[in-house]
C-alpha cells in the first residue's frame, strides 16, 4: 500500500512524503515508481522516479519526492511504473508497463488526488 501523507511547500518546489507498506507475503527487493504531477487543466508538469528497496512483509519504508513546481500548481499526481521490479523470492522482472503497479494499492489522500496511471 502506497500512502501520500505529507506536503511541504519549498521555495522553488513542492515535497511530498509517502510510505510504502508491504502487505504482500513476499519481499519487495526493488520497486521503482514514477510520480507525475499535473495541473488543473491536465497538463503534465513534471515526473520524478523514486525506488523502494528491501521491504520485508509487514514492514514499511518512508520516502520523499520533490517536484520543481509550487504546490499550488499541482492538482493531481499519477503513479506509474517503468515496467521492471523485483518482488518475491525469485528475481521477477517484467517488461510489461503496469505489471509492477498492479501490486500497489493507493488509498485516497486528504492532501491531493493521487491515483494509478491509466492502463
PDB file of N, CA and C in Angstrom:
ATOM      1  N   UNK A   1       0.839  -1.162   0.000  1.00  0.00           N
ATOM      2  CA  UNK A   1       0.000   0.000   0.000  1.00  0.00           C
ATOM      3  C   UNK A   1       0.892   1.236   0.000  1.00  0.00           C
ATOM      4  N   UNK A   2       0.606   2.177  -0.895  1.00  0.00           N
ATOM      5  CA  UNK A   2       1.356   3.413  -1.015  1.00  0.00           C
ATOM      6  C   UNK A   2       0.481   4.566  -0.549  1.00  0.00           C
ATOM      7  N   UNK A   3       0.887   5.235   0.520  1.00  0.00           N
ATOM      8  CA  UNK A   3       0.097   6.354   1.027  1.00  0.00           C
ATOM      9  C   UNK A   3       0.906   7.645   0.986  1.00  0.00           C
ATOM     10  N   UNK A   4       0.259   8.705   0.526  1.00  0.00           N
ATOM     11  CA  UNK A   4       0.860  10.029   0.496  1.00  0.00           C
ATOM     12  C   UNK A   4       0.264  10.795   1.666  1.00  0.00           C
ATOM     13  N   UNK A   5       1.133  11.263   2.583  1.00  0.00           N
ATOM     14  CA  UNK A   5       0.592  11.837   3.821  1.00  0.00           C
ATOM     15  C   UNK A   5       1.290  13.098   4.292  1.00  0.00           C
ATOM     16  N   UNK A   6       2.218  13.635   3.509  1.00  0.00           N
ATOM     17  CA  UNK A   6       2.863  14.894   3.876  1.00  0.00           C
ATOM     18  C   UNK A   6       3.032  15.760   2.641  1.00  0.00           C
ATOM     19  N   UNK A   7       2.904  17.074   2.833  1.00  0.00           N
ATOM     20  CA  UNK A   7       3.163  18.027   1.748  1.00  0.00           C
ATOM     21  C   UNK A   7       3.897  19.215   2.358  1.00  0.00           C
ATOM     22  N   UNK A   8       4.998  19.615   1.739  1.00  0.00           N
ATOM     23  CA  UNK A   8       5.782  20.742   2.221  1.00  0.00           C
ATOM     24  C   UNK A   8       6.048  21.691   1.067  1.00  0.00           C
ATOM     25  N   UNK A   9       5.638  22.943   1.216  1.00  0.00           N
ATOM     26  CA  UNK A   9       5.917  23.971   0.214  1.00  0.00           C
ATOM     27  C   UNK A   9       7.381  24.376   0.363  1.00  0.00           C
ATOM     28  N   UNK A  10       8.111  24.346  -0.731  1.00  0.00           N
ATOM     29  CA  UNK A  10       9.506  24.749  -0.756  1.00  0.00           C
ATOM     30  C   UNK A  10       9.627  26.062  -1.523  1.00  0.00           C
ATOM     31  N   UNK A  11      10.775  26.706  -1.439  1.00  0.00           N
ATOM     32  CA  UNK A  11      10.979  27.965  -2.154  1.00  0.00           C
ATOM     33  C   UNK A  11      10.745  27.801  -3.645  1.00  0.00           C
ATOM     34  N   UNK A  12      11.294  26.752  -4.211  1.00  0.00           N
ATOM     35  CA  UNK A  12      11.155  26.512  -5.652  1.00  0.00           C
ATOM     36  C   UNK A  12      10.593  25.134  -5.942  1.00  0.00           C
ATOM     37  N   UNK A  13       9.624  24.704  -5.163  1.00  0.00           N
ATOM     38  CA  UNK A  13       9.087  23.383  -5.425  1.00  0.00           C
ATOM     39  C   UNK A  13       8.114  22.911  -4.369  1.00  0.00           C
ATOM     40  N   UNK A  14       7.814  21.637  -4.440  1.00  0.00           N
ATOM     41  CA  UNK A  14       6.862  21.013  -3.538  1.00  0.00           C
ATOM     42  C   UNK A  14       7.350  19.607  -3.210  1.00  0.00           C
ATOM     43  N   UNK A  15       7.393  19.288  -1.922  1.00  0.00           N
ATOM     44  CA  UNK A  15       7.854  17.971  -1.474  1.00  0.00           C
ATOM     45  C   UNK A  15       6.680  17.209  -0.862  1.00  0.00           C
ATOM     46  N   UNK A  16       6.580  15.940  -1.235  1.00  0.00           N
ATOM     47  CA  UNK A  16       5.561  15.058  -0.682  1.00  0.00           C
ATOM     48  C   UNK A  16       6.236  13.909   0.054  1.00  0.00           C
ATOM     49  N   UNK A  17       5.695  13.543   1.201  1.00  0.00           N
ATOM     50  CA  UNK A  17       6.158  12.392   1.951  1.00  0.00           C
ATOM     51  C   UNK A  17       5.198  11.244   1.734  1.00  0.00           C
ATOM     52  N   UNK A  18       5.738  10.072   1.486  1.00  0.00           N
ATOM     53  CA  UNK A  18       4.890   8.911   1.245  1.00  0.00           C
ATOM     54  C   UNK A  18       5.496   7.678   1.882  1.00  0.00           C
ATOM     55  N   UNK A  19       4.646   6.713   2.128  1.00  0.00           N
ATOM     56  CA  UNK A  19       5.076   5.467   2.753  1.00  0.00           C
ATOM     57  C   UNK A  19       4.570   4.288   1.938  1.00  0.00           C
ATOM     58  N   UNK A  20       5.481   3.344   1.657  1.00  0.00           N
ATOM     59  CA  UNK A  20       5.092   2.092   1.015  1.00  0.00           C
ATOM     60  C   UNK A  20       5.100   1.021   2.090  1.00  0.00           C
ATOM     61  N   UNK A  21       3.939   0.437   2.362  1.00  0.00           N
ATOM     62  CA  UNK A  21       3.802  -0.652   3.331  1.00  0.00           C
ATOM     63  C   UNK A  21       3.695  -1.964   2.562  1.00  0.00           C
ATOM     64  N   UNK A  22       4.492  -2.932   2.964  1.00  0.00           N
ATOM     65  CA  UNK A  22       4.474  -4.229   2.287  1.00  0.00           C
ATOM     66  C   UNK A  22       3.433  -5.129   2.948  1.00  0.00           C
ATOM     67  N   UNK A  23       2.277  -5.230   2.327  1.00  0.00           N
ATOM     68  CA  UNK A  23       1.208  -6.110   2.787  1.00  0.00           C
ATOM     69  C   UNK A  23       1.202  -7.434   2.026  1.00  0.00           C
ATOM     70  N   UNK A  24       2.243  -7.653   1.220  1.00  0.00           N
ATOM     71  CA  UNK A  24       2.369  -8.897   0.466  1.00  0.00           C
ATOM     72  C   UNK A  24       3.027  -9.955   1.345  1.00  0.00           C
ATOM     73  N   UNK A  25       3.006 -11.184   0.899  1.00  0.00           N
ATOM     74  CA  UNK A  25       3.637 -12.285   1.638  1.00  0.00           C
ATOM     75  C   UNK A  25       5.082 -12.503   1.207  1.00  0.00           C
ATOM     76  N   UNK A  26       5.603 -11.618   0.340  1.00  0.00           N
ATOM     77  CA  UNK A  26       6.966 -11.742  -0.182  1.00  0.00           C
ATOM     78  C   UNK A  26       7.717 -10.425  -0.019  1.00  0.00           C
ATOM     79  N   UNK A  27       9.043 -10.496  -0.108  1.00  0.00           N
ATOM     80  CA  UNK A  27       9.872  -9.297  -0.019  1.00  0.00           C
ATOM     81  C   UNK A  27       9.731  -8.430  -1.264  1.00  0.00           C
ATOM     82  N   UNK A  28       9.792  -7.122  -1.048  1.00  0.00           N
ATOM     83  CA  UNK A  28       9.906  -6.166  -2.156  1.00  0.00           C
ATOM     84  C   UNK A  28      11.382  -5.786  -2.200  1.00  0.00           C
ATOM     85  N   UNK A  29      12.100  -6.317  -3.176  1.00  0.00           N
ATOM     86  CA  UNK A  29      13.539  -6.043  -3.275  1.00  0.00           C
ATOM     87  C   UNK A  29      13.806  -4.735  -4.004  1.00  0.00           C
ATOM     88  N   UNK A  30      13.051  -4.469  -5.055  1.00  0.00           N
ATOM     89  CA  UNK A  30      13.249  -3.258  -5.860  1.00  0.00           C
ATOM     90  C   UNK A  30      11.936  -2.928  -6.552  1.00  0.00           C
ATOM     91  N   UNK A  31      11.362  -1.792  -6.203  1.00  0.00           N
ATOM     92  CA  UNK A  31      10.096  -1.365  -6.808  1.00  0.00           C
ATOM     93  C   UNK A  31      10.191   0.120  -7.153  1.00  0.00           C
ATOM     94  N   UNK A  32      10.596   0.439  -8.396  1.00  0.00           N
ATOM     95  CA  UNK A  32      10.628   1.834  -8.806  1.00  0.00           C
ATOM     96  C   UNK A  32       9.237   2.293  -9.225  1.00  0.00           C
ATOM     97  N   UNK A  33       8.901   3.516  -8.887  1.00  0.00           N
ATOM     98  CA  UNK A  33       7.621   4.106  -9.274  1.00  0.00           C
ATOM     99  C   UNK A  33       7.874   5.496  -9.863  1.00  0.00           C
ATOM    100  N   UNK A  34       7.061   5.872 -10.823  1.00  0.00           N
ATOM    101  CA  UNK A  34       7.152   7.187 -11.448  1.00  0.00           C
ATOM    102  C   UNK A  34       5.958   8.014 -10.983  1.00  0.00           C
ATOM    103  N   UNK A  35       6.235   9.205 -10.449  1.00  0.00           N
ATOM    104  CA  UNK A  35       5.203  10.117  -9.955  1.00  0.00           C
ATOM    105  C   UNK A  35       5.139  11.302 -10.912  1.00  0.00           C
ATOM    106  N   UNK A  36       3.959  11.517 -11.506  1.00  0.00           N
ATOM    107  CA  UNK A  36       3.787  12.596 -12.471  1.00  0.00           C
ATOM    108  C   UNK A  36       2.783  13.603 -11.932  1.00  0.00           C
ATOM    109  N   UNK A  37       3.198  14.867 -11.889  1.00  0.00           N
ATOM    110  CA  UNK A  37       2.345  15.951 -11.397  1.00  0.00           C
ATOM    111  C   UNK A  37       1.625  16.606 -12.578  1.00  0.00           C
ATOM    112  N   UNK A  38       0.336  16.896 -12.360  1.00  0.00           N
ATOM    113  CA  UNK A  38      -0.493  17.552 -13.374  1.00  0.00           C
ATOM    114  C   UNK A  38      -1.134  18.793 -12.785  1.00  0.00           C
ATOM    115  N   UNK A  39      -1.411  19.781 -13.648  1.00  0.00           N
ATOM    116  CA  UNK A  39      -2.122  20.973 -13.183  1.00  0.00           C
ATOM    117  C   UNK A  39      -3.628  20.787 -13.342  1.00  0.00           C
ATOM    118  N   UNK A  40      -4.398  21.851 -13.071  1.00  0.00           N
ATOM    119  CA  UNK A  40      -5.863  21.746 -13.097  1.00  0.00           C
ATOM    120  C   UNK A  40      -6.417  21.476 -14.490  1.00  0.00           C
ATOM    121  N   UNK A  41      -5.635  21.751 -15.549  1.00  0.00           N
ATOM    122  CA  UNK A  41      -6.083  21.506 -16.922  1.00  0.00           C
ATOM    123  C   UNK A  41      -5.600  20.158 -17.454  1.00  0.00           C
ATOM    124  N   UNK A  42      -4.980  19.363 -16.594  1.00  0.00           N
ATOM    125  CA  UNK A  42      -4.494  18.052 -17.006  1.00  0.00           C
ATOM    126  C   UNK A  42      -3.176  18.090 -17.754  1.00  0.00           C
ATOM    127  N   UNK A  43      -2.478  19.223 -17.668  1.00  0.00           N
ATOM    128  CA  UNK A  43      -1.188  19.352 -18.333  1.00  0.00           C
ATOM    129  C   UNK A  43      -0.103  18.772 -17.425  1.00  0.00           C
ATOM    130  N   UNK A  44       0.725  17.923 -18.004  1.00  0.00           N
ATOM    131  CA  UNK A  44       1.829  17.295 -17.266  1.00  0.00           C
ATOM    132  C   UNK A  44       2.857  18.360 -16.920  1.00  0.00           C
ATOM    133  N   UNK A  45       3.170  18.488 -15.624  1.00  0.00           N
ATOM    134  CA  UNK A  45       4.144  19.474 -15.166  1.00  0.00           C
ATOM    135  C   UNK A  45       5.539  18.890 -15.019  1.00  0.00           C
ATOM    136  N   UNK A  46       5.629  17.728 -14.374  1.00  0.00           N
ATOM    137  CA  UNK A  46       6.931  17.101 -14.147  1.00  0.00           C
ATOM    138  C   UNK A  46       6.721  15.667 -13.683  1.00  0.00           C
ATOM    139  N   UNK A  47       7.695  14.817 -13.984  1.00  0.00           N
ATOM    140  CA  UNK A  47       7.683  13.436 -13.496  1.00  0.00           C
ATOM    141  C   UNK A  47       8.988  13.174 -12.753  1.00  0.00           C
ATOM    142  N   UNK A  48       8.887  12.472 -11.627  1.00  0.00           N
ATOM    143  CA  UNK A  48      10.065  12.068 -10.860  1.00  0.00           C
ATOM    144  C   UNK A  48       9.948  10.580 -10.545  1.00  0.00           C
ATOM    145  N   UNK A  49      11.087   9.915 -10.473  1.00  0.00           N
ATOM    146  CA  UNK A  49      11.107   8.489 -10.160  1.00  0.00           C
ATOM    147  C   UNK A  49      11.682   8.290  -8.768  1.00  0.00           C
ATOM    148  N   UNK A  50      11.066   7.389  -8.015  1.00  0.00           N
ATOM    149  CA  UNK A  50      11.533   7.048  -6.670  1.00  0.00           C
ATOM    150  C   UNK A  50      11.430   5.536  -6.539  1.00  0.00           C
ATOM    151  N   UNK A  51      12.507   4.895  -6.113  1.00  0.00           N
ATOM    152  CA  UNK A  51      12.504   3.441  -5.949  1.00  0.00           C
ATOM    153  C   UNK A  51      12.462   3.080  -4.465  1.00  0.00           C
ATOM    154  N   UNK A  52      11.815   1.982  -4.186  1.00  0.00           N
ATOM    155  CA  UNK A  52      11.741   1.423  -2.837  1.00  0.00           C
ATOM    156  C   UNK A  52      12.529   0.119  -2.845  1.00  0.00           C
ATOM    157  N   UNK A  53      13.348  -0.093  -1.800  1.00  0.00           N
ATOM    158  CA  UNK A  53      14.240  -1.252  -1.748  1.00  0.00           C
ATOM    159  C   UNK A  53      14.120  -1.978  -0.417  1.00  0.00           C
ATOM    160  N   UNK A  54      14.224  -3.309  -0.462  1.00  0.00           N
ATOM    161  CA  UNK A  54      14.398  -4.126   0.740  1.00  0.00           C
ATOM    162  C   UNK A  54      13.303  -4.003   1.779  1.00  0.00           C
ATOM    163  N   UNK A  55      12.066  -4.156   1.361  1.00  0.00           N
ATOM    164  CA  UNK A  55      10.953  -4.075   2.317  1.00  0.00           C
ATOM    165  C   UNK A  55      10.383  -5.476   2.512  1.00  0.00           C
ATOM    166  N   UNK A  56      10.524  -5.994   3.718  1.00  0.00           N
ATOM    167  CA  UNK A  56      10.004  -7.318   4.038  1.00  0.00           C
ATOM    168  C   UNK A  56       8.512  -7.240   4.348  1.00  0.00           C
ATOM    169  N   UNK A  57       7.830  -8.384   4.298  1.00  0.00           N
ATOM    170  CA  UNK A  57       6.404  -8.385   4.649  1.00  0.00           C
ATOM    171  C   UNK A  57       6.177  -7.752   6.024  1.00  0.00           C
ATOM    172  N   UNK A  58       5.138  -6.994   6.133  1.00  0.00           N
ATOM    173  CA  UNK A  58       4.692  -6.246   7.322  1.00  0.00           C
ATOM    174  C   UNK A  58       5.543  -5.009   7.608  1.00  0.00           C
ATOM    175  N   UNK A  59       6.614  -4.761   6.843  1.00  0.00           N
ATOM    176  CA  UNK A  59       7.429  -3.572   7.054  1.00  0.00           C
ATOM    177  C   UNK A  59       7.003  -2.455   6.112  1.00  0.00           C
ATOM    178  N   UNK A  60       7.500  -1.258   6.394  1.00  0.00           N
ATOM    179  CA  UNK A  60       7.191  -0.124   5.538  1.00  0.00           C
ATOM    180  C   UNK A  60       8.435   0.736   5.346  1.00  0.00           C
ATOM    181  N   UNK A  61       8.389   1.588   4.326  1.00  0.00           N
ATOM    182  CA  UNK A  61       9.516   2.462   4.036  1.00  0.00           C
ATOM    183  C   UNK A  61       8.995   3.848   3.678  1.00  0.00           C
ATOM    184  N   UNK A  62       9.558   4.868   4.333  1.00  0.00           N
ATOM    185  CA  UNK A  62       9.194   6.260   4.073  1.00  0.00           C
ATOM    186  C   UNK A  62      10.101   6.812   2.977  1.00  0.00           C
ATOM    187  N   UNK A  63       9.563   7.657   2.119  1.00  0.00           N
ATOM    188  CA  UNK A  63      10.342   8.297   1.064  1.00  0.00           C
ATOM    189  C   UNK A  63       9.746   9.675   0.795  1.00  0.00           C
ATOM    190  N   UNK A  64      10.536  10.508   0.160  1.00  0.00           N
ATOM    191  CA  UNK A  64      10.056  11.822  -0.251  1.00  0.00           C
ATOM    192  C   UNK A  64      10.294  11.990  -1.742  1.00  0.00           C
ATOM    193  N   UNK A  65       9.380  12.712  -2.371  1.00  0.00           N
ATOM    194  CA  UNK A  65       9.547  13.095  -3.769  1.00  0.00           C
ATOM    195  C   UNK A  65       9.429  14.610  -3.824  1.00  0.00           C
ATOM    196  N   UNK A  66      10.222  15.222  -4.680  1.00  0.00           N
ATOM    197  CA  UNK A  66      10.199  16.670  -4.801  1.00  0.00           C
ATOM    198  C   UNK A  66       9.983  17.054  -6.254  1.00  0.00           C
ATOM    199  N   UNK A  67       8.977  17.897  -6.464  1.00  0.00           N
ATOM    200  CA  UNK A  67       8.723  18.466  -7.783  1.00  0.00           C
ATOM    201  C   UNK A  67       9.258  19.890  -7.790  1.00  0.00           C
ATOM    202  N   UNK A  68       9.818  20.321  -8.896  1.00  0.00           N
ATOM    203  CA  UNK A  68      10.326  21.687  -9.037  1.00  0.00           C
ATOM    204  C   UNK A  68       9.198  22.604  -9.509  1.00  0.00           C
ATOM    205  N   UNK A  69       8.042  22.437  -8.883  1.00  0.00           N
ATOM    206  CA  UNK A  69       6.825  23.187  -9.195  1.00  0.00           C
ATOM    207  C   UNK A  69       6.163  23.493  -7.861  1.00  0.00           C
ATOM    208  N   UNK A  70       5.607  24.686  -7.712  1.00  0.00           N
ATOM    209  CA  UNK A  70       4.927  25.036  -6.467  1.00  0.00           C
ATOM    210  C   UNK A  70       3.729  24.149  -6.187  1.00  0.00           C
ATOM    211  N   UNK A  71       3.472  23.887  -4.921  1.00  0.00           N
ATOM    212  CA  UNK A  71       2.360  23.017  -4.519  1.00  0.00           C
ATOM    213  C   UNK A  71       1.015  23.505  -5.052  1.00  0.00           C
ATOM    214  N   UNK A  72       0.840  24.825  -5.112  1.00  0.00           N
ATOM    215  CA  UNK A  72      -0.450  25.370  -5.553  1.00  0.00           C
ATOM    216  C   UNK A  72      -0.749  25.046  -7.009  1.00  0.00           C
ATOM    217  N   UNK A  73       0.275  24.747  -7.804  1.00  0.00           N
ATOM    218  CA  UNK A  73       0.078  24.416  -9.218  1.00  0.00           C
ATOM    219  C   UNK A  73      -0.244  22.948  -9.430  1.00  0.00           C
ATOM    220  N   UNK A  74       0.091  22.097  -8.471  1.00  0.00           N
ATOM    221  CA  UNK A  74      -0.118  20.657  -8.620  1.00  0.00           C
ATOM    222  C   UNK A  74      -1.512  20.292  -8.129  1.00  0.00           C
ATOM    223  N   UNK A  75      -2.322  19.756  -9.017  1.00  0.00           N
ATOM    224  CA  UNK A  75      -3.700  19.389  -8.666  1.00  0.00           C
ATOM    225  C   UNK A  75      -3.924  17.882  -8.631  1.00  0.00           C
ATOM    226  N   UNK A  76      -3.021  17.119  -9.259  1.00  0.00           N
ATOM    227  CA  UNK A  76      -3.184  15.664  -9.306  1.00  0.00           C
ATOM    228  C   UNK A  76      -1.818  15.026  -9.498  1.00  0.00           C
ATOM    229  N   UNK A  77      -1.628  13.848  -8.883  1.00  0.00           N
ATOM    230  CA  UNK A  77      -0.407  13.064  -9.083  1.00  0.00           C
ATOM    231  C   UNK A  77      -0.824  11.670  -9.544  1.00  0.00           C
ATOM    232  N   UNK A  78      -0.223  11.241 -10.643  1.00  0.00           N
ATOM    233  CA  UNK A  78      -0.443   9.878 -11.127  1.00  0.00           C
ATOM    234  C   UNK A  78       0.811   9.055 -10.868  1.00  0.00           C
ATOM    235  N   UNK A  79       0.597   7.807 -10.478  1.00  0.00           N
ATOM    236  CA  UNK A  79       1.695   6.894 -10.172  1.00  0.00           C
ATOM    237  C   UNK A  79       1.757   5.836 -11.266  1.00  0.00           C
ATOM    238  N   UNK A  80       2.942   5.677 -11.831  1.00  0.00           N
ATOM    239  CA  UNK A  80       3.154   4.671 -12.861  1.00  0.00           C
ATOM    240  C   UNK A  80       4.393   3.864 -12.541  1.00  0.00           C
ATOM    241  N   UNK A  81       4.703   2.906 -13.394  1.00  0.00           N
ATOM    242  CA  UNK A  81       5.936   2.150 -13.200  1.00  0.00           C
ATOM    243  C   UNK A  81       6.656   1.996 -14.527  1.00  0.00           C
ATOM    244  N   UNK A  82       7.984   1.875 -14.465  1.00  0.00           N
ATOM    245  CA  UNK A  82       8.759   1.755 -15.700  1.00  0.00           C
ATOM    246  C   UNK A  82       8.780   0.353 -16.284  1.00  0.00           C
ATOM    247  N   UNK A  83       8.049  -0.597 -15.686  1.00  0.00           N
ATOM    248  CA  UNK A  83       7.946  -1.936 -16.260  1.00  0.00           C
ATOM    249  C   UNK A  83       8.942  -2.934 -15.732  1.00  0.00           C
ATOM    250  N   UNK A  84       9.578  -2.621 -14.613  1.00  0.00           N
ATOM    251  CA  UNK A  84      10.510  -3.595 -14.040  1.00  0.00           C
ATOM    252  C   UNK A  84      10.485  -3.469 -12.524  1.00  0.00           C
ATOM    253  N   UNK A  85      10.560  -4.602 -11.873  1.00  0.00           N
ATOM    254  CA  UNK A  85      10.616  -4.632 -10.415  1.00  0.00           C
ATOM    255  C   UNK A  85      11.146  -5.995 -10.003  1.00  0.00           C
ATOM    256  N   UNK A  86      11.566  -6.096  -8.750  1.00  0.00           N
ATOM    257  CA  UNK A  86      11.994  -7.376  -8.194  1.00  0.00           C
ATOM    258  C   UNK A  86      11.180  -7.578  -6.925  1.00  0.00           C
ATOM    259  N   UNK A  87      10.266  -8.534  -6.986  1.00  0.00           N
ATOM    260  CA  UNK A  87       9.364  -8.803  -5.875  1.00  0.00           C
ATOM    261  C   UNK A  87       9.275 -10.312  -5.688  1.00  0.00           C
ATOM    262  N   UNK A  88       9.499 -10.779  -4.466  1.00  0.00           N
ATOM    263  CA  UNK A  88       9.397 -12.208  -4.178  1.00  0.00           C
ATOM    264  C   UNK A  88      10.755 -12.880  -4.096  1.00  0.00           C
ATOM    265  N   UNK A  89      10.734 -14.167  -3.821  1.00  0.00           N
ATOM    266  CA  UNK A  89      11.969 -14.928  -3.661  1.00  0.00           C
ATOM    267  C   UNK A  89      12.725 -15.061  -4.972  1.00  0.00           C
ATOM    268  N   UNK A  90      12.002 -15.179  -6.052  1.00  0.00           N
ATOM    269  CA  UNK A  90      12.646 -15.254  -7.352  1.00  0.00           C
ATOM    270  C   UNK A  90      12.821 -13.844  -7.893  1.00  0.00           C
ATOM    271  N   UNK A  91      13.842 -13.656  -8.691  1.00  0.00           N
ATOM    272  CA  UNK A  91      14.016 -12.362  -9.342  1.00  0.00           C
ATOM    273  C   UNK A  91      13.001 -12.286 -10.463  1.00  0.00           C
ATOM    274  N   UNK A  92      12.033 -11.417 -10.268  1.00  0.00           N
ATOM    275  CA  UNK A  92      10.973 -11.289 -11.267  1.00  0.00           C
ATOM    276  C   UNK A  92      11.075  -9.906 -11.881  1.00  0.00           C
ATOM    277  N   UNK A  93      11.358  -9.886 -13.137  1.00  0.00           N
ATOM    278  CA  UNK A  93      11.386  -8.620 -13.859  1.00  0.00           C
ATOM    279  C   UNK A  93      10.309  -8.682 -14.925  1.00  0.00           C
ATOM    280  N   UNK A  94       9.646  -7.597 -15.095  1.00  0.00           N
ATOM    281  CA  UNK A  94       8.588  -7.534 -16.088  1.00  0.00           C
ATOM    282  C   UNK A  94       8.897  -6.416 -17.064  1.00  0.00           C
ATOM    283  N   UNK A  95       8.760  -6.678 -18.331  1.00  0.00           N
ATOM    284  CA  UNK A  95       8.934  -5.631 -19.327  1.00  0.00           C
ATOM    285  C   UNK A  95       7.586  -5.025 -19.718  1.00  0.00           C
ATOM    286  N   UNK A  96       6.532  -5.521 -19.124  1.00  0.00           N
ATOM    287  CA  UNK A  96       5.188  -5.027 -19.418  1.00  0.00           C
ATOM    288  C   UNK A  96       4.866  -3.846 -18.499  1.00  0.00           C
ATOM    289  N   UNK A  97       4.759  -2.628 -19.057  1.00  0.00           N
ATOM    290  CA  UNK A  97       4.419  -1.484 -18.222  1.00  0.00           C
ATOM    291  C   UNK A  97       3.110  -1.723 -17.464  1.00  0.00           C
ATOM    292  N   UNK A  98       3.111  -1.408 -16.188  1.00  0.00           N
ATOM    293  CA  UNK A  98       1.920  -1.573 -15.361  1.00  0.00           C
ATOM    294  C   UNK A  98       1.893  -2.858 -14.563  1.00  0.00           C
ATOM    295  N   UNK A  99       2.736  -3.832 -14.904  1.00  0.00           N
ATOM    296  CA  UNK A  99       2.717  -5.115 -14.202  1.00  0.00           C
ATOM    297  C   UNK A  99       3.120  -4.954 -12.736  1.00  0.00           C
ATOM    298  N   UNK A 100       4.114  -4.141 -12.463  1.00  0.00           N
ATOM    299  CA  UNK A 100       4.560  -3.923 -11.085  1.00  0.00           C
ATOM    300  C   UNK A 100       3.543  -3.079 -10.320  1.00  0.00           C
ATOM    301  N   UNK A 101       2.942  -2.133 -11.004  1.00  0.00           N
ATOM    302  CA  UNK A 101       1.975  -1.241 -10.359  1.00  0.00           C
ATOM    303  C   UNK A 101       0.725  -1.989  -9.894  1.00  0.00           C
ATOM    304  N   UNK A 102       0.425  -3.117 -10.536  1.00  0.00           N
ATOM    305  CA  UNK A 102      -0.735  -3.914 -10.111  1.00  0.00           C
ATOM    306  C   UNK A 102      -0.571  -4.446  -8.690  1.00  0.00           C
ATOM    307  N   UNK A 103       0.657  -4.503  -8.188  1.00  0.00           N
ATOM    308  CA  UNK A 103       0.918  -4.973  -6.823  1.00  0.00           C
ATOM    309  C   UNK A 103       0.643  -3.892  -5.774  1.00  0.00           C
ATOM    310  N   UNK A 104       0.437  -2.645  -6.209  1.00  0.00           N
ATOM    311  CA  UNK A 104       0.347  -1.496  -5.302  1.00  0.00           C
ATOM    312  C   UNK A 104      -1.090  -0.995  -5.194  1.00  0.00           C
ATOM    313  N   UNK A 105      -1.556  -0.832  -3.949  1.00  0.00           N
ATOM    314  CA  UNK A 105      -2.838  -0.170  -3.687  1.00  0.00           C
ATOM    315  C   UNK A 105      -2.537   1.256  -3.253  1.00  0.00           C
ATOM    316  N   UNK A 106      -3.374   2.203  -3.695  1.00  0.00           N
ATOM    317  CA  UNK A 106      -3.179   3.602  -3.331  1.00  0.00           C
ATOM    318  C   UNK A 106      -4.475   4.131  -2.710  1.00  0.00           C
ATOM    319  N   UNK A 107      -4.490   4.307  -1.381  1.00  0.00           N
ATOM    320  CA  UNK A 107      -5.682   4.859  -0.745  1.00  0.00           C
ATOM    321  C   UNK A 107      -5.804   6.354  -1.035  1.00  0.00           C
ATOM    322  N   UNK A 108      -6.982   6.886  -0.840  1.00  0.00           N
ATOM    323  CA  UNK A 108      -7.240   8.303  -1.046  1.00  0.00           C
ATOM    324  C   UNK A 108      -6.409   9.118  -0.053  1.00  0.00           C
ATOM    325  N   UNK A 109      -5.824  10.223  -0.541  1.00  0.00           N
ATOM    326  CA  UNK A 109      -5.033  11.119   0.310  1.00  0.00           C
ATOM    327  C   UNK A 109      -5.847  12.375   0.588  1.00  0.00           C
ATOM    328  N   UNK A 110      -5.808  12.892   1.824  1.00  0.00           N
ATOM    329  CA  UNK A 110      -6.514  14.140   2.125  1.00  0.00           C
ATOM    330  C   UNK A 110      -5.790  15.358   1.535  1.00  0.00           C
ATOM    331  N   UNK A 111      -4.570  15.190   1.043  1.00  0.00           N
ATOM    332  CA  UNK A 111      -3.778  16.326   0.569  1.00  0.00           C
ATOM    333  C   UNK A 111      -3.949  16.632  -0.909  1.00  0.00           C
ATOM    334  N   UNK A 112      -4.092  15.593  -1.720  1.00  0.00           N
ATOM    335  CA  UNK A 112      -4.154  15.773  -3.166  1.00  0.00           C
ATOM    336  C   UNK A 112      -4.717  14.502  -3.787  1.00  0.00           C
ATOM    337  N   UNK A 113      -5.246  14.622  -4.989  1.00  0.00           N
ATOM    338  CA  UNK A 113      -5.758  13.466  -5.717  1.00  0.00           C
ATOM    339  C   UNK A 113      -4.570  12.659  -6.229  1.00  0.00           C
ATOM    340  N   UNK A 114      -4.447  11.414  -5.767  1.00  0.00           N
ATOM    341  CA  UNK A 114      -3.380  10.509  -6.183  1.00  0.00           C
ATOM    342  C   UNK A 114      -4.029   9.247  -6.716  1.00  0.00           C
ATOM    343  N   UNK A 115      -3.585   8.808  -7.890  1.00  0.00           N
ATOM    344  CA  UNK A 115      -4.173   7.610  -8.486  1.00  0.00           C
ATOM    345  C   UNK A 115      -3.143   6.924  -9.376  1.00  0.00           C
ATOM    346  N   UNK A 116      -3.414   5.669  -9.694  1.00  0.00           N
ATOM    347  CA  UNK A 116      -2.560   4.937 -10.631  1.00  0.00           C
ATOM    348  C   UNK A 116      -2.762   5.501 -12.031  1.00  0.00           C
ATOM    349  N   UNK A 117      -1.693   5.454 -12.806  1.00  0.00           N
ATOM    350  CA  UNK A 117      -1.748   5.834 -14.192  1.00  0.00           C
ATOM    351  C   UNK A 117      -2.744   4.937 -14.910  1.00  0.00           C
ATOM    352  N   UNK A 118      -3.561   5.474 -15.801  1.00  0.00           N
ATOM    353  CA  UNK A 118      -4.488   4.605 -16.545  1.00  0.00           C
ATOM    354  C   UNK A 118      -3.711   3.599 -17.389  1.00  0.00           C
ATOM    355  N   UNK A 119      -4.209   2.383 -17.457  1.00  0.00           N
ATOM    356  CA  UNK A 119      -3.526   1.318 -18.229  1.00  0.00           C
ATOM    357  C   UNK A 119      -3.789   1.477 -19.705  1.00  0.00           C
TER     358      UNK A 119
END
